[in-house]
Amino acid sequence: DLELLQDFNAAAIAVTDHCGYLHPGDIPHRHYNGNKHYDPAEVMTIWEDDQGVAAWLLVGPSHKMYDAQVRPDLRGGDFEREV
């Protein structure tokens, strides 16, 4: 799943000039270092549709933060608010 998320963010960055997306290299850092004491299934959710990944969410309980990454064509609507 990590490579899938990195590809998702790289594609999103390419069409949004990096606006609001994590650098693909930051994803493993946040996942493995920031959440090393947590089961990945407990801190990450991935939404998929017929086009692939629609969005993903990574919660960082230790830092009281989260990253919500929504595919560019789905931003600004009800789906993004749901995520």
Protein backbone atom coordinates (compact mmCIF):
# COMPACT_ATOMS: atom_id res chain seq x y z
CA ASP A 1 0.00 0.00 0.00
CA LEU A 2 2.89 2.39 0.66
CA GLU A 3 3.98 2.49 -2.98
CA LEU A 4 0.35 2.96 -4.03
CA LEU A 5 0.03 5.99 -1.74
CA GLN A 6 3.32 7.45 -2.92
CA ASP A 7 2.20 7.09 -6.55
CA PHE A 8 -1.15 8.67 -5.64
CA ASN A 9 0.54 11.70 -4.08
CA ALA A 10 3.07 12.04 -6.91
CA ALA A 11 0.23 12.12 -9.45
CA ALA A 12 -1.73 14.63 -7.35
CA ILE A 13 1.30 16.88 -6.96
CA ALA A 14 1.86 16.82 -10.73
CA VAL A 15 -1.56 18.34 -11.41
CA THR A 16 -1.88 20.67 -8.39
CA ASP A 17 1.58 22.24 -8.12
CA HIS A 18 2.03 20.48 -4.75
CA CYS A 19 -0.94 22.29 -3.20
CA GLY A 20 -1.94 20.40 -0.04
CA TYR A 21 -0.18 17.09 -0.71
CA LEU A 22 2.58 15.40 1.24
CA HIS A 23 5.81 14.77 -0.61
CA PRO A 24 5.88 11.03 -1.45
CA GLY A 25 9.06 10.63 0.60
CA ASP A 26 7.32 11.94 3.71
CA ILE A 27 4.70 9.19 3.64
CA PRO A 28 6.93 6.33 4.88
CA HIS A 29 8.50 8.65 7.46
CA ARG A 30 5.13 9.56 8.95
CA HIS A 31 3.87 6.01 8.67
CA TYR A 32 6.85 4.14 10.14
CA ASN A 33 8.50 6.69 12.41
CA GLY A 34 5.57 8.77 13.61
CA ASN A 35 3.30 5.77 14.13
CA LYS A 36 5.78 3.03 14.97
CA HIS A 37 3.84 2.09 18.12
CA TYR A 38 0.52 1.67 16.29
CA ASP A 39 -0.98 -1.00 14.07
CA PRO A 40 -1.24 0.54 10.57
CA ALA A 41 -4.83 -0.69 10.24
CA GLU A 42 -5.76 1.39 13.28
CA VAL A 43 -4.30 4.68 12.04
CA MET A 44 -4.83 4.54 8.27
CA THR A 45 -7.89 4.43 6.04
CA ILE A 46 -7.84 4.20 2.24
CA TRP A 47 -10.90 4.97 0.10
CA GLU A 48 -11.01 3.49 -3.39
CA ASP A 49 -13.35 3.86 -6.34
CA ASP A 50 -13.37 2.69 -9.97
CA GLN A 51 -10.38 4.98 -10.71
CA GLY A 52 -8.23 3.60 -7.88
CA VAL A 53 -7.36 5.44 -4.69
CA ALA A 54 -9.88 8.21 -4.03
CA ALA A 55 -8.37 9.36 -0.73
CA TRP A 56 -6.36 8.24 2.24
CA LEU A 57 -6.14 9.35 5.84
CA LEU A 58 -3.29 8.81 8.29
CA VAL A 59 -3.83 9.71 11.94
CA GLY A 60 -0.86 10.48 14.17
CA PRO A 61 -2.13 9.96 17.73
CA SER A 62 1.24 10.69 19.34
CA HIS A 63 1.37 14.09 17.67
CA LYS A 64 -2.38 14.77 17.70
CA MET A 65 -2.41 15.26 13.94
CA TYR A 66 -3.70 13.73 10.74
CA ASP A 67 -3.01 13.86 7.01
CA ALA A 68 -6.01 13.70 4.69
CA GLN A 69 -5.09 13.29 1.04
CA VAL A 70 -7.96 13.46 -1.47
CA ARG A 71 -7.63 12.94 -5.22
CA PRO A 72 -7.68 16.35 -6.95
CA ASP A 73 -10.90 15.71 -8.89
CA LEU A 74 -12.72 14.91 -5.64
CA ARG A 75 -11.62 17.94 -3.63
CA GLY A 76 -14.02 20.60 -2.48
CA GLY A 77 -17.17 18.52 -2.17
CA ASP A 78 -19.07 16.23 0.15
CA PHE A 79 -16.57 13.38 -0.24
CA GLU A 80 -13.66 15.51 0.97
CA ARG A 81 -15.70 16.61 4.00
CA GLU A 82 -16.50 12.95 4.74
CA VAL A 83 -12.81 12.06 4.69
